[in-house]
């Protein structure tokens, strides 16, 4: 099944998708939209192209496993996204995905503005890979 992954952020939101065989997760884009209705509209455009059956949303838990304010924002966003699109959402622990994304970009020598443009999409890939590995 095609699965869409969302790394929701206040400024940038990373999007990734996997193939029908659930083998390969690939970055799609980073959306720079902070106004939620417009952000959801942008995600709906991506949904119409890729036709996912599930949306995985990163859940930024604290290192001790507790949920903070940011985690609650992500849960609310996931609920609204599901309500608007009619597609089920699933929350996935995203602790350290941004750190891992930066390490991966370091390894491939991606720096400066280019890094800023892609790090959230790479994080979305890592969230999706985490979900796929847990299945």
N, C-alpha and C. Protein backbone atom coordinates (compact mmCIF):
# COMPACT_ATOMS: atom_id res chain seq x y z
N UNK A 1 0.84 -1.17 0.00
CA UNK A 1 0.00 0.00 0.00
C UNK A 1 0.89 1.23 0.00
N UNK A 2 0.46 2.26 -0.68
CA UNK A 2 1.18 3.53 -0.70
C UNK A 2 0.90 4.25 0.62
N UNK A 3 1.97 4.70 1.26
CA UNK A 3 1.87 5.41 2.54
C UNK A 3 2.56 6.75 2.40
N UNK A 4 1.90 7.80 2.86
CA UNK A 4 2.47 9.15 2.87
C UNK A 4 2.96 9.44 4.27
N UNK A 5 4.10 10.08 4.39
CA UNK A 5 4.66 10.44 5.69
C UNK A 5 4.77 11.95 5.79
N UNK A 6 4.45 12.48 6.98
CA UNK A 6 4.47 13.92 7.21
C UNK A 6 5.32 14.23 8.43
N UNK A 7 6.33 15.07 8.24
CA UNK A 7 7.12 15.62 9.35
C UNK A 7 6.62 17.05 9.53
N UNK A 8 5.60 17.21 10.38
CA UNK A 8 4.91 18.48 10.56
C UNK A 8 5.74 19.46 11.37
N UNK A 9 5.87 20.68 10.85
CA UNK A 9 6.61 21.72 11.54
C UNK A 9 5.90 23.05 11.46
N UNK A 10 6.27 23.97 12.33
CA UNK A 10 5.65 25.30 12.34
C UNK A 10 5.98 26.08 11.07
N UNK A 11 7.19 25.89 10.54
CA UNK A 11 7.63 26.64 9.37
C UNK A 11 7.71 25.75 8.13
N UNK A 12 8.31 24.57 8.28
CA UNK A 12 8.48 23.65 7.16
C UNK A 12 7.89 22.29 7.52
N UNK A 13 7.26 21.66 6.54
CA UNK A 13 6.68 20.33 6.71
C UNK A 13 7.23 19.43 5.62
N UNK A 14 7.91 18.37 6.04
CA UNK A 14 8.48 17.42 5.10
C UNK A 14 7.48 16.35 4.72
N UNK A 15 7.53 15.94 3.47
CA UNK A 15 6.63 14.91 2.95
C UNK A 15 7.46 13.83 2.27
N UNK A 16 7.11 12.57 2.57
CA UNK A 16 7.74 11.43 1.91
C UNK A 16 6.65 10.42 1.56
N UNK A 17 6.98 9.48 0.70
CA UNK A 17 6.02 8.47 0.28
C UNK A 17 6.77 7.15 0.04
N UNK A 18 6.06 6.05 0.22
CA UNK A 18 6.68 4.76 -0.11
C UNK A 18 5.92 4.12 -1.27
N UNK A 19 6.56 3.17 -1.90
CA UNK A 19 5.96 2.45 -3.02
C UNK A 19 4.90 1.47 -2.51
N UNK A 20 4.13 0.89 -3.43
CA UNK A 20 3.05 -0.03 -3.07
C UNK A 20 3.56 -1.27 -2.33
N UNK A 21 4.78 -1.66 -2.60
CA UNK A 21 5.36 -2.85 -1.96
C UNK A 21 5.90 -2.53 -0.55
N UNK A 22 5.87 -1.24 -0.20
CA UNK A 22 6.35 -0.76 1.11
C UNK A 22 7.82 -1.10 1.34
N UNK A 23 8.60 -0.96 0.27
CA UNK A 23 10.02 -1.25 0.35
C UNK A 23 10.85 0.02 0.37
N UNK A 24 10.51 0.96 -0.49
CA UNK A 24 11.33 2.15 -0.67
C UNK A 24 10.58 3.41 -0.26
N UNK A 25 11.13 4.12 0.72
CA UNK A 25 10.58 5.42 1.12
C UNK A 25 11.41 6.51 0.44
N UNK A 26 10.72 7.46 -0.18
CA UNK A 26 11.41 8.52 -0.93
C UNK A 26 10.90 9.89 -0.51
N UNK A 27 11.80 10.88 -0.46
CA UNK A 27 11.35 12.24 -0.17
C UNK A 27 10.53 12.78 -1.33
N UNK A 28 9.50 13.57 -1.00
CA UNK A 28 8.66 14.18 -2.03
C UNK A 28 8.95 15.67 -2.10
N UNK A 29 8.77 16.36 -0.97
CA UNK A 29 8.96 17.81 -0.96
C UNK A 29 8.99 18.32 0.47
N UNK A 30 9.33 19.59 0.59
CA UNK A 30 9.18 20.32 1.84
C UNK A 30 8.23 21.47 1.54
N UNK A 31 7.17 21.56 2.33
CA UNK A 31 6.18 22.62 2.16
C UNK A 31 6.49 23.72 3.16
N UNK A 32 6.68 24.93 2.68
CA UNK A 32 6.94 26.06 3.58
C UNK A 32 5.66 26.87 3.70
N UNK A 33 4.78 26.38 4.54
CA UNK A 33 3.49 27.01 4.77
C UNK A 33 3.13 26.82 6.24
N UNK A 34 2.93 27.91 6.94
CA UNK A 34 2.61 27.81 8.36
C UNK A 34 1.12 27.90 8.65
N UNK A 35 0.32 28.40 7.71
CA UNK A 35 -1.11 28.52 7.89
C UNK A 35 -1.74 27.15 7.59
N UNK A 36 -2.29 26.52 8.63
CA UNK A 36 -2.72 25.13 8.53
C UNK A 36 -3.69 24.82 7.38
N UNK A 37 -4.73 25.61 7.15
CA UNK A 37 -5.62 25.28 6.02
C UNK A 37 -4.88 25.25 4.67
N UNK A 38 -3.96 26.14 4.47
CA UNK A 38 -3.19 26.15 3.21
C UNK A 38 -2.22 24.97 3.17
N UNK A 39 -1.64 24.62 4.32
CA UNK A 39 -0.74 23.47 4.40
C UNK A 39 -1.51 22.20 4.04
N UNK A 40 -2.67 22.02 4.62
CA UNK A 40 -3.48 20.84 4.32
C UNK A 40 -3.88 20.82 2.84
N UNK A 41 -4.18 21.97 2.27
CA UNK A 41 -4.51 22.05 0.84
C UNK A 41 -3.32 21.59 -0.01
N UNK A 42 -2.11 21.98 0.38
CA UNK A 42 -0.90 21.55 -0.34
C UNK A 42 -0.72 20.04 -0.22
N UNK A 43 -0.96 19.51 0.97
CA UNK A 43 -0.83 18.06 1.17
C UNK A 43 -1.90 17.33 0.35
N UNK A 44 -3.09 17.90 0.25
CA UNK A 44 -4.14 17.28 -0.56
C UNK A 44 -3.73 17.17 -2.03
N UNK A 45 -2.99 18.15 -2.54
CA UNK A 45 -2.49 18.08 -3.92
C UNK A 45 -1.55 16.88 -4.07
N UNK A 46 -0.70 16.69 -3.07
CA UNK A 46 0.25 15.57 -3.09
C UNK A 46 -0.52 14.25 -2.99
N UNK A 47 -1.54 14.22 -2.14
CA UNK A 47 -2.37 13.03 -1.99
C UNK A 47 -3.04 12.67 -3.31
N UNK A 48 -3.52 13.67 -4.04
CA UNK A 48 -4.19 13.38 -5.32
C UNK A 48 -3.21 12.78 -6.34
N UNK A 49 -1.95 13.10 -6.22
CA UNK A 49 -0.94 12.56 -7.13
C UNK A 49 -0.53 11.14 -6.74
N UNK A 50 -0.27 10.90 -5.44
CA UNK A 50 0.29 9.62 -4.99
C UNK A 50 -0.77 8.62 -4.52
N UNK A 51 -1.97 9.07 -4.20
CA UNK A 51 -3.08 8.22 -3.77
C UNK A 51 -2.73 7.29 -2.59
N UNK A 52 -2.23 7.84 -1.49
CA UNK A 52 -1.89 6.98 -0.35
C UNK A 52 -3.14 6.44 0.34
N UNK A 53 -2.97 5.29 0.99
CA UNK A 53 -4.06 4.68 1.75
C UNK A 53 -3.91 4.95 3.24
N UNK A 54 -2.76 5.46 3.64
CA UNK A 54 -2.46 5.76 5.03
C UNK A 54 -1.52 6.95 5.08
N UNK A 55 -1.69 7.79 6.11
CA UNK A 55 -0.77 8.91 6.32
C UNK A 55 -0.12 8.71 7.68
N UNK A 56 1.20 8.68 7.69
CA UNK A 56 1.98 8.55 8.92
C UNK A 56 2.48 9.93 9.30
N UNK A 57 2.20 10.35 10.53
CA UNK A 57 2.61 11.67 11.01
C UNK A 57 3.60 11.49 12.15
N UNK A 58 4.71 12.20 12.09
CA UNK A 58 5.72 12.12 13.14
C UNK A 58 5.21 12.68 14.46
N UNK A 59 5.49 11.97 15.54
CA UNK A 59 5.11 12.38 16.88
C UNK A 59 6.37 12.71 17.66
N UNK A 60 6.63 14.00 17.89
CA UNK A 60 7.87 14.41 18.56
C UNK A 60 7.79 14.28 20.08
N UNK A 61 8.04 13.07 20.55
CA UNK A 61 8.04 12.84 21.99
C UNK A 61 9.31 13.39 22.61
N UNK A 62 9.24 13.66 23.90
CA UNK A 62 10.43 14.06 24.65
C UNK A 62 11.33 12.84 24.80
N UNK A 63 12.59 13.06 25.10
CA UNK A 63 13.54 11.96 25.20
C UNK A 63 13.15 10.95 26.28
N UNK A 64 12.40 11.38 27.30
CA UNK A 64 11.97 10.45 28.36
C UNK A 64 10.69 9.71 27.97
N UNK A 65 10.20 9.93 26.74
CA UNK A 65 9.02 9.23 26.25
C UNK A 65 7.71 9.97 26.50
N UNK A 66 7.77 11.05 27.23
CA UNK A 66 6.55 11.82 27.51
C UNK A 66 6.18 12.69 26.30
N UNK A 67 4.94 13.14 26.29
CA UNK A 67 4.46 14.01 25.22
C UNK A 67 4.38 15.44 25.72
N UNK A 68 4.91 16.36 24.94
CA UNK A 68 4.87 17.77 25.29
C UNK A 68 3.91 18.53 24.40
N UNK A 69 4.02 19.84 24.41
CA UNK A 69 3.15 20.72 23.64
C UNK A 69 3.25 20.44 22.13
N UNK A 70 4.45 20.23 21.65
CA UNK A 70 4.64 19.99 20.21
C UNK A 70 3.97 18.68 19.79
N UNK A 71 4.05 17.66 20.62
CA UNK A 71 3.41 16.38 20.32
C UNK A 71 1.89 16.56 20.22
N UNK A 72 1.33 17.35 21.12
CA UNK A 72 -0.11 17.60 21.09
C UNK A 72 -0.51 18.34 19.81
N UNK A 73 0.31 19.31 19.39
CA UNK A 73 0.04 20.02 18.13
C UNK A 73 0.03 19.05 16.96
N UNK A 74 0.97 18.11 16.97
CA UNK A 74 1.05 17.14 15.88
C UNK A 74 -0.16 16.21 15.87
N UNK A 75 -0.63 15.81 17.04
CA UNK A 75 -1.82 14.95 17.13
C UNK A 75 -3.05 15.68 16.59
N UNK A 76 -3.20 16.94 16.97
CA UNK A 76 -4.33 17.74 16.50
C UNK A 76 -4.25 17.90 14.98
N UNK A 77 -3.04 18.18 14.47
CA UNK A 77 -2.85 18.32 13.04
C UNK A 77 -3.21 17.02 12.32
N UNK A 78 -2.76 15.88 12.84
CA UNK A 78 -3.06 14.59 12.22
C UNK A 78 -4.56 14.34 12.18
N UNK A 79 -5.25 14.68 13.25
CA UNK A 79 -6.72 14.51 13.28
C UNK A 79 -7.39 15.38 12.23
N UNK A 80 -6.96 16.62 12.11
CA UNK A 80 -7.54 17.53 11.11
C UNK A 80 -7.24 17.06 9.69
N UNK A 81 -6.03 16.58 9.49
CA UNK A 81 -5.63 16.08 8.17
C UNK A 81 -6.49 14.88 7.78
N UNK A 82 -6.69 13.97 8.71
CA UNK A 82 -7.51 12.79 8.47
C UNK A 82 -8.96 13.19 8.18
N UNK A 83 -9.47 14.12 8.97
CA UNK A 83 -10.84 14.60 8.80
C UNK A 83 -11.04 15.23 7.43
N UNK A 84 -10.07 16.03 7.01
CA UNK A 84 -10.17 16.76 5.74
C UNK A 84 -9.99 15.84 4.52
N UNK A 85 -9.09 14.85 4.64
CA UNK A 85 -8.77 13.99 3.49
C UNK A 85 -9.55 12.68 3.46
N UNK A 86 -10.06 12.27 4.61
CA UNK A 86 -10.74 10.98 4.69
C UNK A 86 -9.79 9.80 4.73
N UNK A 87 -8.50 10.08 4.95
CA UNK A 87 -7.49 9.03 5.01
C UNK A 87 -7.04 8.86 6.46
N UNK A 88 -6.97 7.61 6.90
CA UNK A 88 -6.55 7.31 8.26
C UNK A 88 -5.12 7.81 8.50
N UNK A 89 -4.89 8.37 9.70
CA UNK A 89 -3.53 8.78 10.08
C UNK A 89 -3.04 7.90 11.22
N UNK A 90 -1.74 7.78 11.29
CA UNK A 90 -1.08 6.98 12.32
C UNK A 90 0.10 7.81 12.83
N UNK A 91 0.23 7.90 14.15
CA UNK A 91 1.34 8.66 14.75
C UNK A 91 2.55 7.72 14.95
N UNK A 92 3.74 8.24 14.63
CA UNK A 92 4.97 7.46 14.78
C UNK A 92 5.99 8.29 15.53
N UNK A 93 6.59 7.71 16.55
CA UNK A 93 7.62 8.37 17.35
C UNK A 93 8.74 8.85 16.41
N UNK A 94 9.03 10.13 16.48
CA UNK A 94 10.05 10.69 15.58
C UNK A 94 11.29 11.19 16.32
N UNK A 95 11.46 10.75 17.56
CA UNK A 95 12.63 11.20 18.30
C UNK A 95 13.91 10.95 17.50
N UNK A 96 14.73 11.96 17.43
CA UNK A 96 16.05 11.93 16.79
C UNK A 96 16.02 11.83 15.27
N UNK A 97 14.86 11.91 14.62
CA UNK A 97 14.87 11.83 13.15
C UNK A 97 15.56 13.03 12.53
N UNK A 98 15.38 14.21 13.09
CA UNK A 98 16.04 15.39 12.52
C UNK A 98 17.55 15.29 12.70
N UNK A 99 17.99 14.79 13.85
CA UNK A 99 19.42 14.58 14.09
C UNK A 99 19.96 13.58 13.08
N UNK A 100 19.24 12.48 12.88
CA UNK A 100 19.66 11.46 11.91
C UNK A 100 19.66 12.03 10.49
N UNK A 101 18.69 12.84 10.18
CA UNK A 101 18.63 13.46 8.85
C UNK A 101 19.84 14.35 8.62
N UNK A 102 20.21 15.14 9.63
CA UNK A 102 21.40 16.00 9.50
C UNK A 102 22.65 15.15 9.32
N UNK A 103 22.75 14.04 10.03
CA UNK A 103 23.92 13.15 9.88
C UNK A 103 23.97 12.58 8.47
N UNK A 104 22.82 12.17 7.95
CA UNK A 104 22.77 11.62 6.59
C UNK A 104 23.18 12.69 5.57
N UNK A 105 22.72 13.91 5.78
CA UNK A 105 23.09 14.99 4.87
C UNK A 105 24.56 15.36 5.00
N UNK A 106 25.12 15.25 6.20
CA UNK A 106 26.56 15.45 6.38
C UNK A 106 27.34 14.42 5.57
N UNK A 107 26.88 13.17 5.64
CA UNK A 107 27.57 12.09 4.95
C UNK A 107 27.56 12.27 3.44
N UNK A 108 26.55 12.95 2.93
CA UNK A 108 26.47 13.19 1.49
C UNK A 108 26.91 14.60 1.12
N UNK A 109 27.47 15.31 2.10
CA UNK A 109 28.04 16.64 1.91
C UNK A 109 27.02 17.67 1.42
N UNK A 110 25.78 17.59 1.93
CA UNK A 110 24.75 18.58 1.60
C UNK A 110 24.84 19.68 2.65
N UNK A 111 25.07 20.90 2.22
CA UNK A 111 25.33 22.00 3.15
C UNK A 111 24.47 23.22 2.82
N UNK A 112 24.46 24.16 3.75
CA UNK A 112 23.88 25.48 3.54
C UNK A 112 22.39 25.48 3.25
N UNK A 113 21.99 26.33 2.30
CA UNK A 113 20.58 26.48 1.95
C UNK A 113 19.97 25.19 1.43
N UNK A 114 20.75 24.41 0.70
CA UNK A 114 20.24 23.15 0.16
C UNK A 114 19.83 22.22 1.30
N UNK A 115 20.60 22.22 2.38
CA UNK A 115 20.28 21.38 3.54
C UNK A 115 18.95 21.80 4.15
N UNK A 116 18.78 23.10 4.31
CA UNK A 116 17.55 23.63 4.89
C UNK A 116 16.34 23.22 4.06
N UNK A 117 16.53 23.17 2.74
CA UNK A 117 15.44 22.84 1.82
C UNK A 117 15.03 21.37 1.90
N UNK A 118 15.95 20.49 2.28
CA UNK A 118 15.65 19.05 2.19
C UNK A 118 15.59 18.31 3.53
N UNK A 119 16.09 18.90 4.60
CA UNK A 119 16.20 18.15 5.85
C UNK A 119 14.86 17.64 6.36
N UNK A 120 13.80 18.39 6.19
CA UNK A 120 12.49 17.94 6.67
C UNK A 120 11.92 16.81 5.81
N UNK A 121 12.22 16.81 4.54
CA UNK A 121 11.79 15.70 3.68
C UNK A 121 12.57 14.43 4.03
N UNK A 122 13.86 14.58 4.34
CA UNK A 122 14.66 13.44 4.76
C UNK A 122 14.14 12.92 6.10
N UNK A 123 13.76 13.82 7.00
CA UNK A 123 13.16 13.41 8.27
C UNK A 123 11.86 12.63 8.03
N UNK A 124 11.05 13.08 7.07
CA UNK A 124 9.81 12.38 6.74
C UNK A 124 10.11 10.97 6.23
N UNK A 125 11.18 10.82 5.45
CA UNK A 125 11.60 9.50 4.98
C UNK A 125 11.94 8.62 6.17
N UNK A 126 12.68 9.17 7.13
CA UNK A 126 13.09 8.39 8.29
C UNK A 126 11.90 7.99 9.17
N UNK A 127 10.92 8.88 9.27
CA UNK A 127 9.68 8.55 10.00
C UNK A 127 8.98 7.39 9.30
N UNK A 128 8.88 7.46 7.98
CA UNK A 128 8.22 6.42 7.22
C UNK A 128 9.00 5.10 7.31
N UNK A 129 10.32 5.15 7.22
CA UNK A 129 11.13 3.94 7.35
C UNK A 129 10.95 3.31 8.72
N UNK A 130 10.84 4.13 9.75
CA UNK A 130 10.61 3.63 11.10
C UNK A 130 9.26 2.90 11.17
N UNK A 131 8.24 3.50 10.56
CA UNK A 131 6.92 2.85 10.55
C UNK A 131 6.99 1.52 9.81
N UNK A 132 7.60 1.52 8.64
CA UNK A 132 7.69 0.30 7.84
C UNK A 132 8.45 -0.80 8.57
N UNK A 133 9.51 -0.42 9.27
CA UNK A 133 10.31 -1.40 10.01
C UNK A 133 9.53 -1.99 11.18
N UNK A 134 8.60 -1.21 11.73
CA UNK A 134 7.84 -1.69 12.89
C UNK A 134 6.72 -2.65 12.50
N UNK A 135 6.38 -2.71 11.22
CA UNK A 135 5.29 -3.58 10.76
C UNK A 135 5.71 -5.04 10.71
